[in-house]
């Protein structure tokens, strides 16, 4: 059973929070995961087609696991990834500001 089927109150809370911050986002399912899709005011360097449309996917372990954010449009060339872009090889966007990074040494 998925988290959103077990904890319906949490789903309502999430909907209220997302709609408050991003009123134009729409909720949907992607590969059986709850997700949101909408426009953000972030324009990655090298793109001239604002705004950026993203898909925010809540994974199986959500809310213990953070959501995954993927660009939907405009299309971002494959080679544009890395620290400068805050984009991983699989296309996922990094949305954690460097000031919030915590490096834990073993």
PDB file of N, CA and C in Angstrom:
ATOM      1  N   UNK A   1       0.835  -1.177   0.000  1.00  0.00           N
ATOM      2  CA  UNK A   1       0.000   0.000   0.000  1.00  0.00           C
ATOM      3  C   UNK A   1       0.888   1.251   0.000  1.00  0.00           C
ATOM      4  N   UNK A   2       0.553   2.234  -0.795  1.00  0.00           N
ATOM      5  CA  UNK A   2       1.320   3.472  -0.919  1.00  0.00           C
ATOM      6  C   UNK A   2       1.055   4.406   0.266  1.00  0.00           C
ATOM      7  N   UNK A   3       2.025   5.289   0.536  1.00  0.00           N
ATOM      8  CA  UNK A   3       1.901   6.203   1.670  1.00  0.00           C
ATOM      9  C   UNK A   3       0.645   7.050   1.575  1.00  0.00           C
ATOM     10  N   UNK A   4       0.282   7.457   0.350  1.00  0.00           N
ATOM     11  CA  UNK A   4      -0.871   8.338   0.178  1.00  0.00           C
ATOM     12  C   UNK A   4      -2.190   7.585   0.354  1.00  0.00           C
ATOM     13  N   UNK A   5      -2.154   6.262   0.304  1.00  0.00           N
ATOM     14  CA  UNK A   5      -3.352   5.464   0.579  1.00  0.00           C
ATOM     15  C   UNK A   5      -3.503   5.217   2.086  1.00  0.00           C
ATOM     16  N   UNK A   6      -2.374   5.162   2.778  1.00  0.00           N
ATOM     17  CA  UNK A   6      -2.362   4.893   4.210  1.00  0.00           C
ATOM     18  C   UNK A   6      -2.652   6.149   5.021  1.00  0.00           C
ATOM     19  N   UNK A   7      -2.033   7.258   4.635  1.00  0.00           N
ATOM     20  CA  UNK A   7      -2.119   8.492   5.421  1.00  0.00           C
ATOM     21  C   UNK A   7      -2.830   9.593   4.632  1.00  0.00           C
ATOM     22  N   UNK A   8      -4.131   9.479   4.551  1.00  0.00           N
ATOM     23  CA  UNK A   8      -4.915  10.438   3.761  1.00  0.00           C
ATOM     24  C   UNK A   8      -4.866  11.856   4.337  1.00  0.00           C
ATOM     25  N   UNK A   9      -4.724  11.962   5.652  1.00  0.00           N
ATOM     26  CA  UNK A   9      -4.589  13.290   6.264  1.00  0.00           C
ATOM     27  C   UNK A   9      -3.313  13.967   5.777  1.00  0.00           C
ATOM     28  N   UNK A  10      -2.247  13.181   5.610  1.00  0.00           N
ATOM     29  CA  UNK A  10      -0.978  13.724   5.116  1.00  0.00           C
ATOM     30  C   UNK A  10      -1.141  14.230   3.688  1.00  0.00           C
ATOM     31  N   UNK A  11      -1.912  13.515   2.892  1.00  0.00           N
ATOM     32  CA  UNK A  11      -2.156  13.942   1.507  1.00  0.00           C
ATOM     33  C   UNK A  11      -2.892  15.280   1.495  1.00  0.00           C
ATOM     34  N   UNK A  12      -3.870  15.426   2.348  1.00  0.00           N
ATOM     35  CA  UNK A  12      -4.611  16.690   2.435  1.00  0.00           C
ATOM     36  C   UNK A  12      -3.671  17.819   2.848  1.00  0.00           C
ATOM     37  N   UNK A  13      -2.818  17.555   3.849  1.00  0.00           N
ATOM     38  CA  UNK A  13      -1.830  18.557   4.288  1.00  0.00           C
ATOM     39  C   UNK A  13      -0.910  18.950   3.134  1.00  0.00           C
ATOM     40  N   UNK A  14      -0.416  17.959   2.417  1.00  0.00           N
ATOM     41  CA  UNK A  14       0.487  18.212   1.287  1.00  0.00           C
ATOM     42  C   UNK A  14      -0.213  19.066   0.231  1.00  0.00           C
ATOM     43  N   UNK A  15      -1.453  18.734  -0.075  1.00  0.00           N
ATOM     44  CA  UNK A  15      -2.206  19.492  -1.078  1.00  0.00           C
ATOM     45  C   UNK A  15      -2.361  20.946  -0.664  1.00  0.00           C
ATOM     46  N   UNK A  16      -2.691  21.172   0.589  1.00  0.00           N
ATOM     47  CA  UNK A  16      -2.858  22.542   1.091  1.00  0.00           C
ATOM     48  C   UNK A  16      -1.530  23.299   1.008  1.00  0.00           C
ATOM     49  N   UNK A  17      -0.442  22.664   1.440  1.00  0.00           N
ATOM     50  CA  UNK A  17       0.863  23.324   1.417  1.00  0.00           C
ATOM     51  C   UNK A  17       1.318  23.647  -0.006  1.00  0.00           C
ATOM     52  N   UNK A  18       1.179  22.685  -0.897  1.00  0.00           N
ATOM     53  CA  UNK A  18       1.622  22.913  -2.282  1.00  0.00           C
ATOM     54  C   UNK A  18       0.759  23.979  -2.942  1.00  0.00           C
ATOM     55  N   UNK A  19      -0.545  23.889  -2.796  1.00  0.00           N
ATOM     56  CA  UNK A  19      -1.435  24.857  -3.436  1.00  0.00           C
ATOM     57  C   UNK A  19      -1.259  26.269  -2.866  1.00  0.00           C
ATOM     58  N   UNK A  20      -0.841  26.373  -1.600  1.00  0.00           N
ATOM     59  CA  UNK A  20      -0.573  27.678  -1.005  1.00  0.00           C
ATOM     60  C   UNK A  20       0.665  28.307  -1.632  1.00  0.00           C
ATOM     61  N   UNK A  21       1.703  27.511  -1.793  1.00  0.00           N
ATOM     62  CA  UNK A  21       2.980  28.010  -2.327  1.00  0.00           C
ATOM     63  C   UNK A  21       2.972  28.079  -3.859  1.00  0.00           C
ATOM     64  N   UNK A  22       2.350  27.086  -4.507  1.00  0.00           N
ATOM     65  CA  UNK A  22       2.336  26.980  -5.975  1.00  0.00           C
ATOM     66  C   UNK A  22       0.905  26.726  -6.447  1.00  0.00           C
ATOM     67  N   UNK A  23       0.070  27.749  -6.479  1.00  0.00           N
ATOM     68  CA  UNK A  23      -1.347  27.559  -6.796  1.00  0.00           C
ATOM     69  C   UNK A  23      -1.632  26.959  -8.168  1.00  0.00           C
ATOM     70  N   UNK A  24      -0.704  27.074  -9.101  1.00  0.00           N
ATOM     71  CA  UNK A  24      -0.960  26.542 -10.446  1.00  0.00           C
ATOM     72  C   UNK A  24      -0.506  25.088 -10.614  1.00  0.00           C
ATOM     73  N   UNK A  25       0.142  24.526  -9.604  1.00  0.00           N
ATOM     74  CA  UNK A  25       0.582  23.127  -9.698  1.00  0.00           C
ATOM     75  C   UNK A  25      -0.635  22.199  -9.730  1.00  0.00           C
ATOM     76  N   UNK A  26      -0.509  21.130 -10.495  1.00  0.00           N
ATOM     77  CA  UNK A  26      -1.554  20.119 -10.547  1.00  0.00           C
ATOM     78  C   UNK A  26      -1.023  18.807  -9.984  1.00  0.00           C
ATOM     79  N   UNK A  27      -1.896  18.057  -9.360  1.00  0.00           N
ATOM     80  CA  UNK A  27      -1.516  16.785  -8.766  1.00  0.00           C
ATOM     81  C   UNK A  27      -1.836  15.667  -9.767  1.00  0.00           C
ATOM     82  N   UNK A  28      -0.976  14.657  -9.798  1.00  0.00           N
ATOM     83  CA  UNK A  28      -1.191  13.526 -10.695  1.00  0.00           C
ATOM     84  C   UNK A  28      -0.402  12.327 -10.176  1.00  0.00           C
ATOM     85  N   UNK A  29      -0.459  11.233 -10.898  1.00  0.00           N
ATOM     86  CA  UNK A  29       0.324  10.053 -10.547  1.00  0.00           C
ATOM     87  C   UNK A  29       1.312   9.782 -11.672  1.00  0.00           C
ATOM     88  N   UNK A  30       2.543   9.452 -11.280  1.00  0.00           N
ATOM     89  CA  UNK A  30       3.578   9.068 -12.226  1.00  0.00           C
ATOM     90  C   UNK A  30       4.132   7.740 -11.745  1.00  0.00           C
ATOM     91  N   UNK A  31       3.968   6.723 -12.570  1.00  0.00           N
ATOM     92  CA  UNK A  31       4.443   5.378 -12.211  1.00  0.00           C
ATOM     93  C   UNK A  31       3.984   5.000 -10.802  1.00  0.00           C
ATOM     94  N   UNK A  32       2.722   5.212 -10.521  1.00  0.00           N
ATOM     95  CA  UNK A  32       2.096   4.862  -9.246  1.00  0.00           C
ATOM     96  C   UNK A  32       2.594   5.690  -8.063  1.00  0.00           C
ATOM     97  N   UNK A  33       3.283   6.786  -8.329  1.00  0.00           N
ATOM     98  CA  UNK A  33       3.717   7.704  -7.266  1.00  0.00           C
ATOM     99  C   UNK A  33       2.940   9.009  -7.383  1.00  0.00           C
ATOM    100  N   UNK A  34       2.587   9.570  -6.243  1.00  0.00           N
ATOM    101  CA  UNK A  34       1.925  10.860  -6.222  1.00  0.00           C
ATOM    102  C   UNK A  34       2.912  11.914  -6.692  1.00  0.00           C
ATOM    103  N   UNK A  35       2.487  12.814  -7.541  1.00  0.00           N
ATOM    104  CA  UNK A  35       3.402  13.847  -8.024  1.00  0.00           C
ATOM    105  C   UNK A  35       2.639  15.142  -8.299  1.00  0.00           C
ATOM    106  N   UNK A  36       3.438  16.186  -8.481  1.00  0.00           N
ATOM    107  CA  UNK A  36       2.930  17.516  -8.793  1.00  0.00           C
ATOM    108  C   UNK A  36       3.607  17.991 -10.057  1.00  0.00           C
ATOM    109  N   UNK A  37       2.918  18.787 -10.834  1.00  0.00           N
ATOM    110  CA  UNK A  37       3.526  19.347 -12.037  1.00  0.00           C
ATOM    111  C   UNK A  37       3.138  20.814 -12.136  1.00  0.00           C
ATOM    112  N   UNK A  38       4.135  21.642 -12.475  1.00  0.00           N
ATOM    113  CA  UNK A  38       3.831  23.056 -12.597  1.00  0.00           C
ATOM    114  C   UNK A  38       5.043  23.883 -12.969  1.00  0.00           C
ATOM    115  N   UNK A  39       4.832  25.174 -13.043  1.00  0.00           N
ATOM    116  CA  UNK A  39       5.859  26.123 -13.451  1.00  0.00           C
ATOM    117  C   UNK A  39       6.545  26.729 -12.242  1.00  0.00           C
ATOM    118  N   UNK A  40       7.872  26.903 -12.356  1.00  0.00           N
ATOM    119  CA  UNK A  40       8.646  27.573 -11.315  1.00  0.00           C
ATOM    120  C   UNK A  40       9.384  28.747 -11.948  1.00  0.00           C
ATOM    121  N   UNK A  41       9.773  29.697 -11.148  1.00  0.00           N
ATOM    122  CA  UNK A  41      10.438  30.894 -11.647  1.00  0.00           C
ATOM    123  C   UNK A  41      11.950  30.743 -11.680  1.00  0.00           C
ATOM    124  N   UNK A  42      12.411  29.588 -12.088  1.00  0.00           N
ATOM    125  CA  UNK A  42      13.838  29.333 -12.175  1.00  0.00           C
ATOM    126  C   UNK A  42      14.183  29.170 -13.648  1.00  0.00           C
ATOM    127  N   UNK A  43      15.157  29.920 -14.096  1.00  0.00           N
ATOM    128  CA  UNK A  43      15.588  29.808 -15.490  1.00  0.00           C
ATOM    129  C   UNK A  43      17.051  29.379 -15.489  1.00  0.00           C
ATOM    130  N   UNK A  44      17.326  28.099 -15.768  1.00  0.00           N
ATOM    131  CA  UNK A  44      18.715  27.642 -15.793  1.00  0.00           C
ATOM    132  C   UNK A  44      19.526  28.406 -16.830  1.00  0.00           C
ATOM    133  N   UNK A  45      20.773  28.682 -16.498  1.00  0.00           N
ATOM    134  CA  UNK A  45      21.678  29.391 -17.396  1.00  0.00           C
ATOM    135  C   UNK A  45      21.743  28.671 -18.735  1.00  0.00           C
ATOM    136  N   UNK A  46      21.643  29.420 -19.807  1.00  0.00           N
ATOM    137  CA  UNK A  46      21.733  28.846 -21.142  1.00  0.00           C
ATOM    138  C   UNK A  46      20.375  28.612 -21.785  1.00  0.00           C
ATOM    139  N   UNK A  47      19.291  28.755 -21.022  1.00  0.00           N
ATOM    140  CA  UNK A  47      17.952  28.600 -21.579  1.00  0.00           C
ATOM    141  C   UNK A  47      17.319  29.969 -21.732  1.00  0.00           C
ATOM    142  N   UNK A  48      16.531  30.109 -22.765  1.00  0.00           N
ATOM    143  CA  UNK A  48      15.886  31.393 -23.006  1.00  0.00           C
ATOM    144  C   UNK A  48      14.370  31.283 -22.994  1.00  0.00           C
ATOM    145  N   UNK A  49      13.861  30.133 -22.605  1.00  0.00           N
ATOM    146  CA  UNK A  49      12.423  29.902 -22.644  1.00  0.00           C
ATOM    147  C   UNK A  49      11.830  29.792 -21.239  1.00  0.00           C
ATOM    148  N   UNK A  50      11.712  30.895 -20.508  1.00  0.00           N
ATOM    149  CA  UNK A  50      11.111  30.799 -19.191  1.00  0.00           C
ATOM    150  C   UNK A  50       9.620  30.534 -19.330  1.00  0.00           C
ATOM    151  N   UNK A  51       8.950  30.077 -18.348  1.00  0.00           N
ATOM    152  CA  UNK A  51       9.499  29.538 -17.114  1.00  0.00           C
ATOM    153  C   UNK A  51       9.817  28.055 -17.264  1.00  0.00           C
ATOM    154  N   UNK A  52      10.374  27.488 -16.242  1.00  0.00           N
ATOM    155  CA  UNK A  52      10.725  26.075 -16.236  1.00  0.00           C
ATOM    156  C   UNK A  52       9.546  25.282 -15.668  1.00  0.00           C
ATOM    157  N   UNK A  53       9.097  24.280 -16.420  1.00  0.00           N
ATOM    158  CA  UNK A  53       8.028  23.403 -15.942  1.00  0.00           C
ATOM    159  C   UNK A  53       8.688  22.174 -15.332  1.00  0.00           C
ATOM    160  N   UNK A  54       8.288  21.818 -14.119  1.00  0.00           N
ATOM    161  CA  UNK A  54       8.894  20.691 -13.420  1.00  0.00           C
ATOM    162  C   UNK A  54       7.835  19.687 -12.983  1.00  0.00           C
ATOM    163  N   UNK A  55       8.334  18.489 -12.707  1.00  0.00           N
ATOM    164  CA  UNK A  55       7.514  17.427 -12.144  1.00  0.00           C
ATOM    165  C   UNK A  55       8.159  17.032 -10.826  1.00  0.00           C
ATOM    166  N   UNK A  56       7.389  17.082  -9.747  1.00  0.00           N
ATOM    167  CA  UNK A  56       7.871  16.753  -8.409  1.00  0.00           C
ATOM    168  C   UNK A  56       7.247  15.410  -8.030  1.00  0.00           C
ATOM    169  N   UNK A  57       8.075  14.376  -7.965  1.00  0.00           N
ATOM    170  CA  UNK A  57       7.575  13.022  -7.714  1.00  0.00           C
ATOM    171  C   UNK A  57       7.893  12.612  -6.284  1.00  0.00           C
ATOM    172  N   UNK A  58       6.857  12.239  -5.553  1.00  0.00           N
ATOM    173  CA  UNK A  58       7.022  11.747  -4.179  1.00  0.00           C
ATOM    174  C   UNK A  58       7.297  10.248  -4.259  1.00  0.00           C
ATOM    175  N   UNK A  59       8.510   9.807  -3.904  1.00  0.00           N
ATOM    176  CA  UNK A  59       8.873   8.404  -4.074  1.00  0.00           C
ATOM    177  C   UNK A  59       8.199   7.478  -3.060  1.00  0.00           C
ATOM    178  N   UNK A  60       8.419   6.212  -3.216  1.00  0.00           N
ATOM    179  CA  UNK A  60       7.840   5.178  -2.357  1.00  0.00           C
ATOM    180  C   UNK A  60       8.004   5.496  -0.873  1.00  0.00           C
ATOM    181  N   UNK A  61       9.170   5.933  -0.448  1.00  0.00           N
ATOM    182  CA  UNK A  61       9.442   6.177   0.960  1.00  0.00           C
ATOM    183  C   UNK A  61       9.031   7.538   1.474  1.00  0.00           C
ATOM    184  N   UNK A  62       8.344   8.339   0.658  1.00  0.00           N
ATOM    185  CA  UNK A  62       7.921   9.669   1.070  1.00  0.00           C
ATOM    186  C   UNK A  62       6.979   9.561   2.257  1.00  0.00           C
ATOM    187  N   UNK A  63       7.052  10.404   3.244  1.00  0.00           N
ATOM    188  CA  UNK A  63       7.836  11.623   3.372  1.00  0.00           C
ATOM    189  C   UNK A  63       9.222  11.423   3.983  1.00  0.00           C
ATOM    190  N   UNK A  64       9.602  10.195   4.334  1.00  0.00           N
ATOM    191  CA  UNK A  64      10.948   9.963   4.875  1.00  0.00           C
ATOM    192  C   UNK A  64      12.007  10.159   3.786  1.00  0.00           C
ATOM    193  N   UNK A  65      11.659   9.875   2.538  1.00  0.00           N
ATOM    194  CA  UNK A  65      12.557  10.105   1.394  1.00  0.00           C
ATOM    195  C   UNK A  65      12.116  11.385   0.696  1.00  0.00           C
ATOM    196  N   UNK A  66      13.069  12.235   0.320  1.00  0.00           N
ATOM    197  CA  UNK A  66      12.693  13.505  -0.305  1.00  0.00           C
ATOM    198  C   UNK A  66      12.117  13.317  -1.704  1.00  0.00           C
ATOM    199  N   UNK A  67      11.311  14.268  -2.158  1.00  0.00           N
ATOM    200  CA  UNK A  67      10.762  14.182  -3.515  1.00  0.00           C
ATOM    201  C   UNK A  67      11.863  14.348  -4.564  1.00  0.00           C
ATOM    202  N   UNK A  68      11.607  13.810  -5.742  1.00  0.00           N
ATOM    203  CA  UNK A  68      12.513  13.961  -6.881  1.00  0.00           C
ATOM    204  C   UNK A  68      11.906  14.990  -7.830  1.00  0.00           C
ATOM    205  N   UNK A  69      12.737  15.925  -8.305  1.00  0.00           N
ATOM    206  CA  UNK A  69      12.260  16.994  -9.172  1.00  0.00           C
ATOM    207  C   UNK A  69      12.938  16.855 -10.537  1.00  0.00           C
ATOM    208  N   UNK A  70      12.112  16.784 -11.583  1.00  0.00           N
ATOM    209  CA  UNK A  70      12.616  16.630 -12.944  1.00  0.00           C
ATOM    210  C   UNK A  70      12.099  17.769 -13.814  1.00  0.00           C
ATOM    211  N   UNK A  71      12.932  18.297 -14.708  1.00  0.00           N
ATOM    212  CA  UNK A  71      12.452  19.314 -15.646  1.00  0.00           C
ATOM    213  C   UNK A  71      11.559  18.658 -16.702  1.00  0.00           C
ATOM    214  N   UNK A  72      10.460  19.315 -17.054  1.00  0.00           N
ATOM    215  CA  UNK A  72       9.559  18.818 -18.091  1.00  0.00           C
ATOM    216  C   UNK A  72       9.776  19.609 -19.373  1.00  0.00           C
ATOM    217  N   UNK A  73       9.794  20.946 -19.229  1.00  0.00           N
ATOM    218  CA  UNK A  73      10.043  21.797 -20.384  1.00  0.00           C
ATOM    219  C   UNK A  73      10.568  23.150 -19.900  1.00  0.00           C
ATOM    220  N   UNK A  74      11.339  23.849 -20.686  1.00  0.00           N
ATOM    221  CA  UNK A  74      11.822  23.430 -21.998  1.00  0.00           C
ATOM    222  C   UNK A  74      12.813  22.279 -21.859  1.00  0.00           C
ATOM    223  N   UNK A  75      13.060  21.609 -22.961  1.00  0.00           N
ATOM    224  CA  UNK A  75      13.992  20.491 -22.942  1.00  0.00           C
ATOM    225  C   UNK A  75      15.396  20.998 -22.630  1.00  0.00           C
ATOM    226  N   UNK A  76      16.044  20.347 -21.696  1.00  0.00           N
ATOM    227  CA  UNK A  76      17.403  20.713 -21.318  1.00  0.00           C
ATOM    228  C   UNK A  76      18.350  19.704 -21.951  1.00  0.00           C
ATOM    229  N   UNK A  77      19.329  20.165 -22.736  1.00  0.00           N
ATOM    230  CA  UNK A  77      20.250  19.247 -23.401  1.00  0.00           C
ATOM    231  C   UNK A  77      20.905  18.276 -22.410  1.00  0.00           C
ATOM    232  N   UNK A  78      21.080  17.021 -22.839  1.00  0.00           N
ATOM    233  CA  UNK A  78      21.618  15.972 -21.981  1.00  0.00           C
ATOM    234  C   UNK A  78      22.936  16.329 -21.319  1.00  0.00           C
ATOM    235  N   UNK A  79      23.829  16.970 -22.034  1.00  0.00           N
ATOM    236  CA  UNK A  79      25.155  17.267 -21.506  1.00  0.00           C
ATOM    237  C   UNK A  79      25.173  18.331 -20.417  1.00  0.00           C
ATOM    238  N   UNK A  80      24.058  18.991 -20.212  1.00  0.00           N
ATOM    239  CA  UNK A  80      24.021  20.058 -19.226  1.00  0.00           C
ATOM    240  C   UNK A  80      23.618  19.500 -17.863  1.00  0.00           C
ATOM    241  N   UNK A  81      24.601  19.056 -17.125  1.00  0.00           N
ATOM    242  CA  UNK A  81      24.390  18.528 -15.782  1.00  0.00           C
ATOM    243  C   UNK A  81      25.612  18.873 -14.965  1.00  0.00           C
ATOM    244  N   UNK A  82      25.544  18.613 -13.705  1.00  0.00           N
ATOM    245  CA  UNK A  82      26.683  18.865 -12.839  1.00  0.00           C
ATOM    246  C   UNK A  82      26.408  19.960 -11.828  1.00  0.00           C
ATOM    247  N   UNK A  83      27.455  20.349 -11.107  1.00  0.00           N
ATOM    248  CA  UNK A  83      27.310  21.305 -10.011  1.00  0.00           C
ATOM    249  C   UNK A  83      26.774  22.647 -10.488  1.00  0.00           C
ATOM    250  N   UNK A  84      27.264  23.142 -11.620  1.00  0.00           N
ATOM    251  CA  UNK A  84      26.829  24.440 -12.123  1.00  0.00           C
ATOM    252  C   UNK A  84      25.317  24.452 -12.370  1.00  0.00           C
ATOM    253  N   UNK A  85      24.803  23.329 -12.854  1.00  0.00           N
ATOM    254  CA  UNK A  85      23.385  23.228 -13.185  1.00  0.00           C
ATOM    255  C   UNK A  85      22.558  22.668 -12.045  1.00  0.00           C
ATOM    256  N   UNK A  86      23.209  22.090 -11.063  1.00  0.00           N
ATOM    257  CA  UNK A  86      22.498  21.408  -9.979  1.00  0.00           C
ATOM    258  C   UNK A  86      21.529  20.372 -10.551  1.00  0.00           C
ATOM    259  N   UNK A  87      22.084  19.557 -11.433  1.00  0.00           N
ATOM    260  CA  UNK A  87      21.309  18.517 -12.103  1.00  0.00           C
ATOM    261  C   UNK A  87      22.128  17.236 -12.114  1.00  0.00           C
ATOM    262  N   UNK A  88      21.500  16.122 -11.754  1.00  0.00           N
ATOM    263  CA  UNK A  88      22.169  14.830 -11.714  1.00  0.00           C
ATOM    264  C   UNK A  88      22.159  14.167 -13.086  1.00  0.00           C
ATOM    265  N   UNK A  89      22.968  13.128 -13.241  1.00  0.00           N
ATOM    266  CA  UNK A  89      23.060  12.400 -14.516  1.00  0.00           C
ATOM    267  C   UNK A  89      21.707  11.857 -14.980  1.00  0.00           C
ATOM    268  N   UNK A  90      20.840  11.484 -14.047  1.00  0.00           N
ATOM    269  CA  UNK A  90      19.534  10.925 -14.429  1.00  0.00           C
ATOM    270  C   UNK A  90      18.505  12.006 -14.777  1.00  0.00           C
ATOM    271  N   UNK A  91      18.931  13.271 -14.766  1.00  0.00           N
ATOM    272  CA  UNK A  91      18.047  14.373 -15.119  1.00  0.00           C
ATOM    273  C   UNK A  91      17.387  15.051 -13.943  1.00  0.00           C
ATOM    274  N   UNK A  92      17.476  14.440 -12.766  1.00  0.00           N
ATOM    275  CA  UNK A  92      16.862  14.986 -11.556  1.00  0.00           C
ATOM    276  C   UNK A  92      17.556  16.295 -11.172  1.00  0.00           C
ATOM    277  N   UNK A  93      16.778  17.263 -10.713  1.00  0.00           N
ATOM    278  CA  UNK A  93      17.320  18.553 -10.290  1.00  0.00           C
ATOM    279  C   UNK A  93      17.638  18.541  -8.801  1.00  0.00           C
ATOM    280  N   UNK A  94      18.717  19.201  -8.435  1.00  0.00           N
ATOM    281  CA  UNK A  94      19.065  19.380  -7.027  1.00  0.00           C
ATOM    282  C   UNK A  94      18.411  20.680  -6.580  1.00  0.00           C
ATOM    283  N   UNK A  95      17.648  20.622  -5.528  1.00  0.00           N
ATOM    284  CA  UNK A  95      16.948  21.818  -5.065  1.00  0.00           C
ATOM    285  C   UNK A  95      17.380  22.242  -3.666  1.00  0.00           C
ATOM    286  N   UNK A  96      18.445  21.638  -3.158  1.00  0.00           N
ATOM    287  CA  UNK A  96      18.951  22.012  -1.839  1.00  0.00           C
ATOM    288  C   UNK A  96      20.034  23.070  -2.014  1.00  0.00           C
ATOM    289  N   UNK A  97      19.857  24.202  -1.385  1.00  0.00           N
ATOM    290  CA  UNK A  97      20.827  25.292  -1.496  1.00  0.00           C
ATOM    291  C   UNK A  97      22.125  24.887  -0.792  1.00  0.00           C
ATOM    292  N   UNK A  98      23.276  25.240  -1.373  1.00  0.00           N
ATOM    293  CA  UNK A  98      24.558  24.880  -0.758  1.00  0.00           C
ATOM    294  C   UNK A  98      24.680  25.282   0.709  1.00  0.00           C
ATOM    295  N   UNK A  99      24.028  26.372   1.105  1.00  0.00           N
ATOM    296  CA  UNK A  99      24.107  26.804   2.504  1.00  0.00           C
ATOM    297  C   UNK A  99      23.484  25.765   3.435  1.00  0.00           C
ATOM    298  N   UNK A 100      22.608  24.910   2.901  1.00  0.00           N
ATOM    299  CA  UNK A 100      21.935  23.894   3.710  1.00  0.00           C
ATOM    300  C   UNK A 100      22.606  22.525   3.636  1.00  0.00           C
ATOM    301  N   UNK A 101      23.693  22.412   2.876  1.00  0.00           N
ATOM    302  CA  UNK A 101      24.403  21.136   2.785  1.00  0.00           C
ATOM    303  C   UNK A 101      25.063  20.838   4.108  1.00  0.00           C
ATOM    304  N   UNK A 102      25.017  19.595   4.498  1.00  0.00           N
ATOM    305  CA  UNK A 102      25.708  19.148   5.702  1.00  0.00           C
ATOM    306  C   UNK A 102      26.537  17.923   5.335  1.00  0.00           C
ATOM    307  N   UNK A 103      27.830  18.088   5.336  1.00  0.00           N
ATOM    308  CA  UNK A 103      28.722  16.985   5.014  1.00  0.00           C
ATOM    309  C   UNK A 103      29.038  16.242   6.297  1.00  0.00           C
ATOM    310  N   UNK A 104      28.744  14.952   6.311  1.00  0.00           N
ATOM    311  CA  UNK A 104      28.979  14.122   7.478  1.00  0.00           C
ATOM    312  C   UNK A 104      30.152  13.219   7.163  1.00  0.00           C
ATOM    313  N   UNK A 105      31.197  13.292   7.985  1.00  0.00           N
ATOM    314  CA  UNK A 105      32.353  12.427   7.762  1.00  0.00           C
ATOM    315  C   UNK A 105      32.198  11.181   8.606  1.00  0.00           C
ATOM    316  N   UNK A 106      32.643  10.073   8.022  1.00  0.00           N
ATOM    317  CA  UNK A 106      32.458   8.772   8.658  1.00  0.00           C
ATOM    318  C   UNK A 106      33.454   8.507   9.668  1.00  0.00           C
TER     319      UNK A 106
END
